[in-house]
Amino acid sequence: MMIPGLTSKVKALYSKILNQSDYHNLIEASSITEIVAYLKNNTHYNEVLVGTDIANLHRRDVEILIRKSILSDFYHLYFYLPVKVQKLFKLIERRYEIENIKFIFRSLHSGHLEYISKERLFPVNHKTISEETFMAIKNFDDALNTFKNSIYSGVITSAYDNYRKTKKLQYLLNAIDFWYFSSLESEFKKTPEFSSNLRDLFFKQVDLINIQWIYRARILFKLSTSEVLNLLLPITFKLSKSEIENLSTSEDLNDFIKKVSSTFYGEYFKNINQNIFSYIIERLCNRILLKEAKQLISETQNGLTVMSGYLFLREYEYKDLITLIEAKRYKIPNDRFNAFLLLIEE
């Protein structure tokens, strides 16, 4: 779709993304405070950090401010979109509201009600649940009463019944994710001009999420095949249902890698160092999507294609900053964590 104004806007935003020099300086920072100070004084994050007392910021505070920066980009791009695409864009943005819902459920499940505060919620531009409503939740009954009047009512009510029986939080969280991706699929069908780019990225992401979950559930936690399949998002794209089932029968890591290497994503899993596989599988999957996102953003004619690539690149910049912050928090040596950064050149 030809939207010259959108292409120009995305290109302008993309020009501000962290460069290799920024990454070098951030890696060399000695603390979280130094990282935030660099972001404030030298990068586009100045817009959300200006006036902030960085010395008193906690890890979650920084995470939310970075998300706020991404939401600011979303807000500016929204008004360049055709009306029929704006509804899809609002749904994409709803991911942050869903993360807030999952944060509430995690806090309730762990018994840490003190975690629930406005300051810990991600900002959302087009919210369907107010911050005040979230703050009124003190237990699961409150949560169910709150969400029964929301767009999430059906999925949360049915998924909670399963959680109550099993006490396995992942069933509840996965059900919400399934609702999200199913809703996206429905909206993509209404805007077929998006289907060749952003839709492909989103549903390859689902495939790769399932690959990671199969590895963790089957290889690390030794769950049965049926238990593994029950944990997965019931959506397939480039992975067939039979391939998913086959992966879920893997006997060990060698068997898993052999099976995944024969799928659509197989080339990325060949010749992998099995000794560090558990540390790199998430980064490996992200890099598959990153490669495609970079190809999309190089497009010069289709504004929606350019925007599709940018949305993913921006998310990976966020992931990199969280990796950096966690590394400094736990004093991990630079040579042990910089290989896990996505946007740094190898």
C-alpha atoms as a PDB file:
ATOM      1  CA  MET A   1       0.000   0.000   0.000  1.00  0.00           C
ATOM      2  CA  MET A   2       1.430   3.339  -1.069  1.00  0.00           C
ATOM      3  CA  ILE A   3       1.488   5.687   1.927  1.00  0.00           C
ATOM      4  CA  PRO A   4       4.472   8.009   1.266  1.00  0.00           C
ATOM      5  CA  GLY A   5       3.945  10.002   4.474  1.00  0.00           C
ATOM      6  CA  LEU A   6       4.060   6.809   6.540  1.00  0.00           C
ATOM      7  CA  THR A   7       7.248   5.632   4.835  1.00  0.00           C
ATOM      8  CA  SER A   8       8.964   8.953   5.530  1.00  0.00           C
ATOM      9  CA  LYS A   9       7.833   8.933   9.167  1.00  0.00           C
ATOM     10  CA  VAL A  10       9.071   5.387   9.777  1.00  0.00           C
ATOM     11  CA  LYS A  11      12.399   6.112   8.102  1.00  0.00           C
ATOM     12  CA  ALA A  12      12.813   9.166  10.352  1.00  0.00           C
ATOM     13  CA  LEU A  13      12.091   7.071  13.457  1.00  0.00           C
ATOM     14  CA  TYR A  14      14.389   4.307  12.245  1.00  0.00           C
ATOM     15  CA  SER A  15      17.267   6.786  11.870  1.00  0.00           C
ATOM     16  CA  LYS A  16      17.132   7.333  15.643  1.00  0.00           C
ATOM     17  CA  ILE A  17      17.398   3.676  16.607  1.00  0.00           C
ATOM     18  CA  LEU A  18      20.481   2.769  18.659  1.00  0.00           C
ATOM     19  CA  ASN A  19      23.606   2.382  16.506  1.00  0.00           C
ATOM     20  CA  GLN A  20      26.724   0.275  16.996  1.00  0.00           C
ATOM     21  CA  SER A  21      28.546   3.078  18.806  1.00  0.00           C
ATOM     22  CA  ASP A  22      25.631   3.337  21.253  1.00  0.00           C
ATOM     23  CA  TYR A  23      25.804  -0.402  21.885  1.00  0.00           C
ATOM     24  CA  HIS A  24      29.545  -0.254  22.520  1.00  0.00           C
ATOM     25  CA  ASN A  25      29.102   2.546  25.072  1.00  0.00           C
ATOM     26  CA  LEU A  26      26.180   0.799  26.767  1.00  0.00           C
ATOM     27  CA  ILE A  27      28.122  -2.461  27.053  1.00  0.00           C
ATOM     28  CA  GLU A  28      31.003  -0.596  28.673  1.00  0.00           C
ATOM     29  CA  ALA A  29      28.706   1.070  31.238  1.00  0.00           C
ATOM     30  CA  SER A  30      29.419  -0.148  34.759  1.00  0.00           C
ATOM     31  CA  SER A  31      25.898   0.051  36.193  1.00  0.00           C
ATOM     32  CA  ILE A  32      22.204   0.405  35.399  1.00  0.00           C
ATOM     33  CA  THR A  33      22.433   4.077  36.360  1.00  0.00           C
ATOM     34  CA  GLU A  34      25.194   4.619  33.804  1.00  0.00           C
ATOM     35  CA  ILE A  35      23.120   2.879  31.126  1.00  0.00           C
ATOM     36  CA  VAL A  36      20.126   5.106  31.827  1.00  0.00           C
ATOM     37  CA  ALA A  37      22.323   8.213  31.966  1.00  0.00           C
ATOM     38  CA  TYR A  38      23.748   7.370  28.545  1.00  0.00           C
ATOM     39  CA  LEU A  39      20.272   6.793  27.102  1.00  0.00           C
ATOM     40  CA  LYS A  40      19.090  10.091  28.569  1.00  0.00           C
ATOM     41  CA  ASN A  41      22.028  12.174  27.351  1.00  0.00           C
ATOM     42  CA  ASN A  42      22.849  10.598  23.990  1.00  0.00           C
ATOM     43  CA  THR A  43      19.851   8.863  22.430  1.00  0.00           C
ATOM     44  CA  HIS A  44      16.212   9.288  21.433  1.00  0.00           C
ATOM     45  CA  TYR A  45      15.217   8.025  24.900  1.00  0.00           C
ATOM     46  CA  ASN A  46      15.874  11.549  26.150  1.00  0.00           C
ATOM     47  CA  GLU A  47      12.233  12.281  25.311  1.00  0.00           C
ATOM     48  CA  VAL A  48      10.929   9.927  28.018  1.00  0.00           C
ATOM     49  CA  LEU A  49      13.812  10.344  30.478  1.00  0.00           C
ATOM     50  CA  VAL A  50      14.059  14.134  30.548  1.00  0.00           C
ATOM     51  CA  GLY A  51      13.285  15.442  34.031  1.00  0.00           C
ATOM     52  CA  THR A  52      13.668  11.958  35.536  1.00  0.00           C
ATOM     53  CA  ASP A  53      15.835  11.361  38.596  1.00  0.00           C
ATOM     54  CA  ILE A  54      17.731   8.400  37.181  1.00  0.00           C
ATOM     55  CA  ALA A  55      19.550   7.686  40.438  1.00  0.00           C
ATOM     56  CA  ASN A  56      16.297   6.476  42.013  1.00  0.00           C
ATOM     57  CA  LEU A  57      14.985   4.388  39.122  1.00  0.00           C
ATOM     58  CA  HIS A  58      14.467   0.677  39.652  1.00  0.00           C
ATOM     59  CA  ARG A  59      14.725  -1.959  36.935  1.00  0.00           C
ATOM     60  CA  ARG A  60      10.949  -2.084  36.374  1.00  0.00           C
ATOM     61  CA  ASP A  61      10.811   1.736  36.176  1.00  0.00           C
ATOM     62  CA  VAL A  62      13.360   1.723  33.370  1.00  0.00           C
ATOM     63  CA  GLU A  63      11.502  -1.053  31.546  1.00  0.00           C
ATOM     64  CA  ILE A  64       8.268   0.932  31.655  1.00  0.00           C
ATOM     65  CA  LEU A  65       9.957   4.116  30.416  1.00  0.00           C
ATOM     66  CA  ILE A  66      11.419   2.220  27.458  1.00  0.00           C
ATOM     67  CA  ARG A  67       7.966   0.839  26.697  1.00  0.00           C
ATOM     68  CA  LYS A  68       6.593   4.367  26.942  1.00  0.00           C
ATOM     69  CA  SER A  69       9.041   5.409  24.236  1.00  0.00           C
ATOM     70  CA  ILE A  70       7.789   2.619  21.962  1.00  0.00           C
ATOM     71  CA  LEU A  71       4.178   3.611  22.637  1.00  0.00           C
ATOM     72  CA  SER A  72       5.045   7.179  21.655  1.00  0.00           C
ATOM     73  CA  ASP A  73       6.213   5.867  18.267  1.00  0.00           C
ATOM     74  CA  PHE A  74       2.996   3.863  17.939  1.00  0.00           C
ATOM     75  CA  TYR A  75       0.951   6.967  18.679  1.00  0.00           C
ATOM     76  CA  HIS A  76       2.662   8.994  15.960  1.00  0.00           C
ATOM     77  CA  LEU A  77       2.393   6.232  13.355  1.00  0.00           C
ATOM     78  CA  TYR A  78      -1.279   5.582  14.095  1.00  0.00           C
ATOM     79  CA  PHE A  79      -2.457   8.803  12.454  1.00  0.00           C
ATOM     80  CA  TYR A  80      -0.741   7.980   9.155  1.00  0.00           C
ATOM     81  CA  LEU A  81      -2.760   4.784   8.754  1.00  0.00           C
ATOM     82  CA  PRO A  82      -5.939   4.290   6.708  1.00  0.00           C
ATOM     83  CA  VAL A  83      -9.003   4.024   8.942  1.00  0.00           C
ATOM     84  CA  LYS A  84      -9.508   0.316   8.227  1.00  0.00           C
ATOM     85  CA  VAL A  85      -5.922  -0.422   9.298  1.00  0.00           C
ATOM     86  CA  GLN A  86      -6.151   1.629  12.497  1.00  0.00           C
ATOM     87  CA  LYS A  87      -8.323  -1.040  14.111  1.00  0.00           C
ATOM     88  CA  LEU A  88      -5.638  -3.651  13.430  1.00  0.00           C
ATOM     89  CA  PHE A  89      -2.979  -1.319  14.788  1.00  0.00           C
ATOM     90  CA  LYS A  90      -4.953  -0.821  18.013  1.00  0.00           C
ATOM     91  CA  LEU A  91      -5.089  -4.600  18.399  1.00  0.00           C
ATOM     92  CA  ILE A  92      -1.329  -4.899  17.898  1.00  0.00           C
ATOM     93  CA  GLU A  93      -0.835  -2.245  20.566  1.00  0.00           C
ATOM     94  CA  ARG A  94      -3.189  -4.143  22.886  1.00  0.00           C
ATOM     95  CA  ARG A  95      -0.299  -6.518  23.496  1.00  0.00           C
ATOM     96  CA  TYR A  96       0.830  -4.115  26.231  1.00  0.00           C
ATOM     97  CA  GLU A  97      -2.543  -4.228  27.971  1.00  0.00           C
ATOM     98  CA  ILE A  98      -2.382  -8.014  27.812  1.00  0.00           C
ATOM     99  CA  GLU A  99       1.075  -7.870  29.404  1.00  0.00           C
ATOM    100  CA  ASN A 100      -0.498  -5.874  32.249  1.00  0.00           C
ATOM    101  CA  ILE A 101      -3.183  -8.534  32.692  1.00  0.00           C
ATOM    102  CA  LYS A 102      -0.531 -11.262  32.757  1.00  0.00           C
ATOM    103  CA  PHE A 103       1.492  -9.212  35.254  1.00  0.00           C
ATOM    104  CA  ILE A 104      -1.563  -9.076  37.543  1.00  0.00           C
ATOM    105  CA  PHE A 105      -2.057 -12.842  37.264  1.00  0.00           C
ATOM    106  CA  ARG A 106       1.619 -13.548  37.954  1.00  0.00           C
ATOM    107  CA  SER A 107       1.490 -11.343  41.049  1.00  0.00           C
ATOM    108  CA  LEU A 108      -1.659 -13.082  42.330  1.00  0.00           C
ATOM    109  CA  HIS A 109      -0.251 -16.545  41.580  1.00  0.00           C
ATOM    110  CA  SER A 110       2.995 -15.809  43.432  1.00  0.00           C
ATOM    111  CA  GLY A 111       1.177 -14.164  46.344  1.00  0.00           C
ATOM    112  CA  HIS A 112       3.042 -10.869  45.891  1.00  0.00           C
ATOM    113  CA  LEU A 113       0.186  -8.365  45.918  1.00  0.00           C
ATOM    114  CA  GLU A 114       2.688  -5.631  46.811  1.00  0.00           C
ATOM    115  CA  TYR A 115       3.932  -5.781  43.203  1.00  0.00           C
ATOM    116  CA  ILE A 116       0.631  -4.441  41.902  1.00  0.00           C
ATOM    117  CA  SER A 117       0.902  -0.663  41.509  1.00  0.00           C
ATOM    118  CA  LYS A 118       0.276   1.917  38.789  1.00  0.00           C
ATOM    119  CA  GLU A 119       3.996   2.505  38.456  1.00  0.00           C
ATOM    120  CA  ARG A 120       4.555  -1.127  37.476  1.00  0.00           C
ATOM    121  CA  LEU A 121       1.968  -1.179  34.684  1.00  0.00           C
ATOM    122  CA  PHE A 122       2.984  -0.696  31.066  1.00  0.00           C
ATOM    123  CA  PRO A 123       1.526   2.438  29.442  1.00  0.00           C
ATOM    124  CA  VAL A 124      -1.230   1.820  26.863  1.00  0.00           C
ATOM    125  CA  ASN A 125      -2.509   4.376  24.348  1.00  0.00           C
ATOM    126  CA  HIS A 126      -5.894   2.829  23.547  1.00  0.00           C
ATOM    127  CA  LYS A 127      -6.686   1.079  26.816  1.00  0.00           C
ATOM    128  CA  THR A 128      -9.851  -0.887  27.483  1.00  0.00           C
ATOM    129  CA  ILE A 129      -9.108  -1.302  31.215  1.00  0.00           C
ATOM    130  CA  SER A 130      -8.146   1.677  33.347  1.00  0.00           C
ATOM    131  CA  GLU A 131      -5.230   1.714  35.766  1.00  0.00           C
ATOM    132  CA  GLU A 132      -7.667   2.347  38.608  1.00  0.00           C
ATOM    133  CA  THR A 133      -9.533  -0.838  37.693  1.00  0.00           C
ATOM    134  CA  PHE A 134      -6.302  -2.842  37.804  1.00  0.00           C
ATOM    135  CA  MET A 135      -5.468  -1.323  41.205  1.00  0.00           C
ATOM    136  CA  ALA A 136      -8.753  -2.559  42.663  1.00  0.00           C
ATOM    137  CA  ILE A 137      -7.751  -6.199  42.086  1.00  0.00           C
ATOM    138  CA  LYS A 138      -6.670  -7.925  45.316  1.00  0.00           C
ATOM    139  CA  ASN A 139      -7.375 -11.579  44.501  1.00  0.00           C
ATOM    140  CA  PHE A 140      -8.482 -13.876  41.677  1.00  0.00           C
ATOM    141  CA  ASP A 141     -12.178 -13.265  42.400  1.00  0.00           C
ATOM    142  CA  ASP A 142     -11.595  -9.539  41.943  1.00  0.00           C
ATOM    143  CA  ALA A 143      -9.770 -10.256  38.685  1.00  0.00           C
ATOM    144  CA  LEU A 144     -12.600 -12.401  37.333  1.00  0.00           C
ATOM    145  CA  ASN A 145     -15.188  -9.769  38.260  1.00  0.00           C
ATOM    146  CA  THR A 146     -13.077  -7.081  36.634  1.00  0.00           C
ATOM    147  CA  PHE A 147     -12.478  -8.927  33.382  1.00  0.00           C
ATOM    148  CA  LYS A 148     -16.019 -10.283  32.990  1.00  0.00           C
ATOM    149  CA  ASN A 149     -17.068  -6.854  31.705  1.00  0.00           C
ATOM    150  CA  SER A 150     -14.123  -6.582  29.329  1.00  0.00           C
ATOM    151  CA  ILE A 151     -13.272  -7.858  25.854  1.00  0.00           C
ATOM    152  CA  TYR A 152     -11.227 -10.580  27.580  1.00  0.00           C
ATOM    153  CA  SER A 153     -14.206 -12.026  29.471  1.00  0.00           C
ATOM    154  CA  GLY A 154     -14.713 -15.293  27.597  1.00  0.00           C
ATOM    155  CA  VAL A 155     -11.113 -16.413  27.373  1.00  0.00           C
ATOM    156  CA  ILE A 156     -10.193 -15.534  30.961  1.00  0.00           C
ATOM    157  CA  THR A 157     -13.279 -17.151  32.499  1.00  0.00           C
ATOM    158  CA  SER A 158     -12.743 -20.475  30.715  1.00  0.00           C
ATOM    159  CA  ALA A 159      -8.960 -20.460  31.167  1.00  0.00           C
ATOM    160  CA  TYR A 160      -9.278 -19.723  34.886  1.00  0.00           C
ATOM    161  CA  ASP A 161     -11.331 -22.893  35.376  1.00  0.00           C
ATOM    162  CA  ASN A 162      -8.359 -24.862  34.020  1.00  0.00           C
ATOM    163  CA  TYR A 163      -5.916 -22.915  36.195  1.00  0.00           C
ATOM    164  CA  ARG A 164      -8.013 -23.517  39.304  1.00  0.00           C
ATOM    165  CA  LYS A 165      -7.890 -27.281  38.704  1.00  0.00           C
ATOM    166  CA  THR A 166      -4.207 -27.554  37.782  1.00  0.00           C
ATOM    167  CA  LYS A 167      -2.637 -24.489  39.485  1.00  0.00           C
ATOM    168  CA  LYS A 168      -0.481 -24.206  36.354  1.00  0.00           C
ATOM    169  CA  LEU A 169      -0.266 -20.513  35.539  1.00  0.00           C
ATOM    170  CA  GLN A 170       1.070 -21.102  32.025  1.00  0.00           C
ATOM    171  CA  TYR A 171      -2.280 -22.536  30.911  1.00  0.00           C
ATOM    172  CA  LEU A 172      -3.944 -19.269  31.851  1.00  0.00           C
ATOM    173  CA  LEU A 173      -1.282 -17.066  30.240  1.00  0.00           C
ATOM    174  CA  ASN A 174      -1.202 -19.136  27.048  1.00  0.00           C
ATOM    175  CA  ALA A 175      -4.972 -18.907  26.699  1.00  0.00           C
ATOM    176  CA  ILE A 176      -4.740 -15.108  26.722  1.00  0.00           C
ATOM    177  CA  ASP A 177      -1.967 -15.249  24.124  1.00  0.00           C
ATOM    178  CA  PHE A 178      -4.120 -17.541  21.989  1.00  0.00           C
ATOM    179  CA  TRP A 179      -6.985 -15.046  22.166  1.00  0.00           C
ATOM    180  CA  TYR A 180      -4.609 -12.287  21.079  1.00  0.00           C
ATOM    181  CA  PHE A 181      -3.143 -14.106  18.073  1.00  0.00           C
ATOM    182  CA  SER A 182      -6.563 -15.436  17.039  1.00  0.00           C
ATOM    183  CA  SER A 183      -7.939 -11.894  17.138  1.00  0.00           C
ATOM    184  CA  LEU A 184      -4.990 -10.735  15.029  1.00  0.00           C
ATOM    185  CA  GLU A 185      -5.673 -13.450  12.484  1.00  0.00           C
ATOM    186  CA  SER A 186      -9.269 -12.253  12.184  1.00  0.00           C
ATOM    187  CA  GLU A 187      -8.193  -8.633  11.673  1.00  0.00           C
ATOM    188  CA  PHE A 188      -5.488  -9.576   9.162  1.00  0.00           C
ATOM    189  CA  LYS A 189      -8.161 -11.160   6.998  1.00  0.00           C
ATOM    190  CA  LYS A 190      -9.982  -7.817   6.888  1.00  0.00           C
ATOM    191  CA  THR A 191      -6.845  -6.032   5.661  1.00  0.00           C
ATOM    192  CA  PRO A 192      -5.305  -8.422   3.103  1.00  0.00           C
ATOM    193  CA  GLU A 193      -2.777  -5.792   1.991  1.00  0.00           C
ATOM    194  CA  PHE A 194      -1.051  -6.471   5.334  1.00  0.00           C
ATOM    195  CA  SER A 195      -1.039 -10.234   4.975  1.00  0.00           C
ATOM    196  CA  SER A 196       2.194 -10.566   3.041  1.00  0.00           C
ATOM    197  CA  ASN A 197       4.400  -8.881   5.616  1.00  0.00           C
ATOM    198  CA  LEU A 198       3.235  -8.143   9.155  1.00  0.00           C
ATOM    199  CA  ARG A 199       0.953 -11.173   9.271  1.00  0.00           C
ATOM    200  CA  ASP A 200       3.799 -13.454   8.248  1.00  0.00           C
ATOM    201  CA  LEU A 201       6.059 -12.022  10.947  1.00  0.00           C
ATOM    202  CA  PHE A 202       3.451 -12.393  13.673  1.00  0.00           C
ATOM    203  CA  PHE A 203       2.630 -15.987  12.860  1.00  0.00           C
ATOM    204  CA  LYS A 204       6.219 -17.063  12.352  1.00  0.00           C
ATOM    205  CA  GLN A 205       6.620 -15.641  15.843  1.00  0.00           C
ATOM    206  CA  VAL A 206       3.910 -18.047  17.045  1.00  0.00           C
ATOM    207  CA  ASP A 207       5.734 -20.982  15.440  1.00  0.00           C
ATOM    208  CA  LEU A 208       8.968 -19.986  17.148  1.00  0.00           C
ATOM    209  CA  ILE A 209       7.262 -19.464  20.523  1.00  0.00           C
ATOM    210  CA  ASN A 210       5.946 -23.015  20.256  1.00  0.00           C
ATOM    211  CA  ILE A 211       9.383 -24.378  19.335  1.00  0.00           C
ATOM    212  CA  GLN A 212      10.816 -22.765  22.459  1.00  0.00           C
ATOM    213  CA  TRP A 213       8.028 -24.082  24.642  1.00  0.00           C
ATOM    214  CA  ILE A 214       8.449 -27.614  23.291  1.00  0.00           C
ATOM    215  CA  TYR A 215      12.156 -27.471  24.087  1.00  0.00           C
ATOM    216  CA  ARG A 216      11.580 -26.241  27.638  1.00  0.00           C
ATOM    217  CA  ALA A 217       8.637 -28.487  28.428  1.00  0.00           C
ATOM    218  CA  ARG A 218       9.892 -31.688  26.797  1.00  0.00           C
ATOM    219  CA  ILE A 219      13.687 -31.485  27.058  1.00  0.00           C
ATOM    220  CA  LEU A 220      14.228 -29.446  30.227  1.00  0.00           C
ATOM    221  CA  PHE A 221      11.150 -30.385  32.292  1.00  0.00           C
ATOM    222  CA  LYS A 222      10.588 -33.882  30.866  1.00  0.00           C
ATOM    223  CA  LEU A 223       6.833 -33.449  30.420  1.00  0.00           C
ATOM    224  CA  SER A 224       4.851 -36.045  28.516  1.00  0.00           C
ATOM    225  CA  THR A 225       3.914 -35.425  24.883  1.00  0.00           C
ATOM    226  CA  SER A 226       0.290 -34.748  25.803  1.00  0.00           C
ATOM    227  CA  GLU A 227       1.313 -32.299  28.531  1.00  0.00           C
ATOM    228  CA  VAL A 228       3.592 -30.468  26.088  1.00  0.00           C
ATOM    229  CA  LEU A 229       0.876 -30.172  23.441  1.00  0.00           C
ATOM    230  CA  ASN A 230      -1.553 -28.771  26.011  1.00  0.00           C
ATOM    231  CA  LEU A 231       0.905 -25.950  26.781  1.00  0.00           C
ATOM    232  CA  LEU A 232       1.285 -24.772  23.194  1.00  0.00           C
ATOM    233  CA  LEU A 233      -0.511 -22.065  21.256  1.00  0.00           C
ATOM    234  CA  PRO A 234      -2.927 -24.004  18.992  1.00  0.00           C
ATOM    235  CA  ILE A 235      -1.930 -21.999  15.918  1.00  0.00           C
ATOM    236  CA  THR A 236       0.436 -23.155  13.174  1.00  0.00           C
ATOM    237  CA  PHE A 237       1.929 -21.278  10.241  1.00  0.00           C
ATOM    238  CA  LYS A 238       5.078 -22.717   8.653  1.00  0.00           C
ATOM    239  CA  LEU A 239       5.079 -25.630  11.088  1.00  0.00           C
ATOM    240  CA  SER A 240       2.562 -28.357  10.373  1.00  0.00           C
ATOM    241  CA  LYS A 241       0.508 -29.979  13.098  1.00  0.00           C
ATOM    242  CA  SER A 242       2.357 -33.258  12.506  1.00  0.00           C
ATOM    243  CA  GLU A 243       5.735 -31.494  12.897  1.00  0.00           C
ATOM    244  CA  ILE A 244       4.577 -29.979  16.193  1.00  0.00           C
ATOM    245  CA  GLU A 245       3.505 -33.412  17.421  1.00  0.00           C
ATOM    246  CA  ASN A 246       6.778 -34.958  16.241  1.00  0.00           C
ATOM    247  CA  LEU A 247       8.852 -32.339  18.070  1.00  0.00           C
ATOM    248  CA  SER A 248       6.825 -33.016  21.198  1.00  0.00           C
ATOM    249  CA  THR A 249       7.981 -36.647  21.189  1.00  0.00           C
ATOM    250  CA  SER A 250      11.709 -35.730  21.221  1.00  0.00           C
ATOM    251  CA  GLU A 251      13.684 -38.037  23.480  1.00  0.00           C
ATOM    252  CA  ASP A 252      16.600 -35.701  24.161  1.00  0.00           C
ATOM    253  CA  LEU A 253      18.270 -32.498  22.918  1.00  0.00           C
ATOM    254  CA  ASN A 254      20.012 -34.244  20.035  1.00  0.00           C
ATOM    255  CA  ASP A 255      16.705 -35.716  18.868  1.00  0.00           C
ATOM    256  CA  PHE A 256      14.968 -32.338  19.244  1.00  0.00           C
ATOM    257  CA  ILE A 257      17.585 -30.491  17.172  1.00  0.00           C
ATOM    258  CA  LYS A 258      17.500 -33.221  14.517  1.00  0.00           C
ATOM    259  CA  LYS A 259      13.715 -32.903  14.230  1.00  0.00           C
ATOM    260  CA  VAL A 260      13.561 -29.107  14.255  1.00  0.00           C
ATOM    261  CA  SER A 261      16.343 -29.023  11.639  1.00  0.00           C
ATOM    262  CA  SER A 262      14.019 -30.738   9.172  1.00  0.00           C
ATOM    263  CA  THR A 263      11.330 -28.041   9.468  1.00  0.00           C
ATOM    264  CA  PHE A 264      10.906 -24.712   7.657  1.00  0.00           C
ATOM    265  CA  TYR A 265      13.193 -23.094  10.270  1.00  0.00           C
ATOM    266  CA  GLY A 266      15.738 -25.904  10.147  1.00  0.00           C
ATOM    267  CA  GLU A 267      18.694 -24.047   8.620  1.00  0.00           C
ATOM    268  CA  TYR A 268      18.978 -21.884  11.737  1.00  0.00           C
ATOM    269  CA  PHE A 269      19.281 -24.877  14.068  1.00  0.00           C
ATOM    270  CA  LYS A 270      21.978 -26.820  12.258  1.00  0.00           C
ATOM    271  CA  ASN A 271      25.538 -26.977  13.618  1.00  0.00           C
ATOM    272  CA  ILE A 272      24.412 -25.578  16.979  1.00  0.00           C
ATOM    273  CA  ASN A 273      26.588 -25.941  20.071  1.00  0.00           C
ATOM    274  CA  GLN A 274      24.382 -28.130  22.257  1.00  0.00           C
ATOM    275  CA  ASN A 275      26.279 -27.146  25.411  1.00  0.00           C
ATOM    276  CA  ILE A 276      24.892 -23.614  25.268  1.00  0.00           C
ATOM    277  CA  PHE A 277      21.599 -24.327  23.484  1.00  0.00           C
ATOM    278  CA  SER A 278      19.432 -23.456  26.483  1.00  0.00           C
ATOM    279  CA  TYR A 279      21.062 -20.005  26.594  1.00  0.00           C
ATOM    280  CA  ILE A 280      20.764 -19.205  22.899  1.00  0.00           C
ATOM    281  CA  ILE A 281      17.460 -20.685  21.712  1.00  0.00           C
ATOM    282  CA  GLU A 282      15.457 -17.523  22.421  1.00  0.00           C
ATOM    283  CA  ARG A 283      18.046 -15.316  20.729  1.00  0.00           C
ATOM    284  CA  LEU A 284      18.194 -17.746  17.807  1.00  0.00           C
ATOM    285  CA  CYS A 285      14.435 -17.519  17.294  1.00  0.00           C
ATOM    286  CA  ASN A 286      14.473 -13.732  17.611  1.00  0.00           C
ATOM    287  CA  ARG A 287      17.235 -13.499  15.013  1.00  0.00           C
ATOM    288  CA  ILE A 288      15.112 -15.422  12.511  1.00  0.00           C
ATOM    289  CA  LEU A 289      12.434 -12.724  12.789  1.00  0.00           C
ATOM    290  CA  LEU A 290      15.005  -9.934  12.932  1.00  0.00           C
ATOM    291  CA  LYS A 291      16.445 -10.948   9.563  1.00  0.00           C
ATOM    292  CA  GLU A 292      13.023 -10.665   7.958  1.00  0.00           C
ATOM    293  CA  ALA A 293      12.199  -7.405   9.734  1.00  0.00           C
ATOM    294  CA  LYS A 294      15.359  -5.796   8.358  1.00  0.00           C
ATOM    295  CA  GLN A 295      14.383  -6.872   4.861  1.00  0.00           C
ATOM    296  CA  LEU A 296      10.968  -5.253   5.257  1.00  0.00           C
ATOM    297  CA  ILE A 297      12.328  -1.949   6.494  1.00  0.00           C
ATOM    298  CA  SER A 298      14.555  -1.669   3.421  1.00  0.00           C
ATOM    299  CA  GLU A 299      11.398  -1.439   1.278  1.00  0.00           C
ATOM    300  CA  THR A 300      11.040   2.016  -0.299  1.00  0.00           C
ATOM    301  CA  GLN A 301       7.538   1.919  -1.779  1.00  0.00           C
ATOM    302  CA  ASN A 302       5.125   0.210   0.600  1.00  0.00           C
ATOM    303  CA  GLY A 303       4.600   2.231   3.793  1.00  0.00           C
ATOM    304  CA  LEU A 304       2.858  -0.600   5.631  1.00  0.00           C
ATOM    305  CA  THR A 305       5.714  -2.986   4.853  1.00  0.00           C
ATOM    306  CA  VAL A 306       8.291  -0.504   6.166  1.00  0.00           C
ATOM    307  CA  MET A 307       6.252   0.009   9.329  1.00  0.00           C
ATOM    308  CA  SER A 308       5.936  -3.763   9.837  1.00  0.00           C
ATOM    309  CA  GLY A 309       9.699  -4.156   9.886  1.00  0.00           C
ATOM    310  CA  TYR A 310      10.170  -1.169  12.172  1.00  0.00           C
ATOM    311  CA  LEU A 311       7.709  -2.447  14.799  1.00  0.00           C
ATOM    312  CA  PHE A 312       9.766  -5.615  15.217  1.00  0.00           C
ATOM    313  CA  LEU A 313      13.124  -3.828  15.185  1.00  0.00           C
ATOM    314  CA  ARG A 314      11.900  -1.444  17.873  1.00  0.00           C
ATOM    315  CA  GLU A 315      10.803  -4.387  20.015  1.00  0.00           C
ATOM    316  CA  TYR A 316      14.229  -5.974  19.650  1.00  0.00           C
ATOM    317  CA  GLU A 317      15.911  -2.761  20.742  1.00  0.00           C
ATOM    318  CA  TYR A 318      13.759  -2.996  23.868  1.00  0.00           C
ATOM    319  CA  LYS A 319      14.824  -6.627  24.413  1.00  0.00           C
ATOM    320  CA  ASP A 320      18.490  -5.652  24.036  1.00  0.00           C
ATOM    321  CA  LEU A 321      18.205  -2.899  26.624  1.00  0.00           C
ATOM    322  CA  ILE A 322      16.550  -5.268  29.097  1.00  0.00           C
ATOM    323  CA  THR A 323      19.375  -7.769  28.487  1.00  0.00           C
ATOM    324  CA  LEU A 324      21.938  -5.042  29.174  1.00  0.00           C
ATOM    325  CA  ILE A 325      20.173  -3.933  32.334  1.00  0.00           C
ATOM    326  CA  GLU A 326      19.894  -7.488  33.670  1.00  0.00           C
ATOM    327  CA  ALA A 327      23.556  -8.142  32.866  1.00  0.00           C
ATOM    328  CA  LYS A 328      24.665  -5.074  34.821  1.00  0.00           C
ATOM    329  CA  ARG A 329      22.262  -5.907  37.640  1.00  0.00           C
ATOM    330  CA  TYR A 330      23.856  -9.324  38.129  1.00  0.00           C
ATOM    331  CA  LYS A 331      27.396  -8.138  37.267  1.00  0.00           C
ATOM    332  CA  ILE A 332      27.801 -10.510  34.331  1.00  0.00           C
ATOM    333  CA  PRO A 333      31.093  -9.917  32.455  1.00  0.00           C
ATOM    334  CA  ASN A 334      30.761  -8.174  29.096  1.00  0.00           C
ATOM    335  CA  ASP A 335      32.205 -11.055  27.105  1.00  0.00           C
ATOM    336  CA  ARG A 336      29.520 -13.362  28.489  1.00  0.00           C
ATOM    337  CA  PHE A 337      26.422 -11.374  27.595  1.00  0.00           C
ATOM    338  CA  ASN A 338      27.122  -9.177  24.574  1.00  0.00           C
ATOM    339  CA  ALA A 339      26.721 -12.169  22.254  1.00  0.00           C
ATOM    340  CA  PHE A 340      23.076 -12.332  23.334  1.00  0.00           C
ATOM    341  CA  LEU A 341      22.278  -8.836  22.045  1.00  0.00           C
ATOM    342  CA  LEU A 342      20.182  -8.889  18.900  1.00  0.00           C
ATOM    343  CA  LEU A 343      20.994  -5.658  17.091  1.00  0.00           C
ATOM    344  CA  ILE A 344      24.727  -5.600  17.682  1.00  0.00           C
ATOM    345  CA  GLU A 345      26.734  -6.573  14.624  1.00  0.00           C
ATOM    346  CA  GLU A 346      28.695  -9.812  14.891  1.00  0.00           C
END
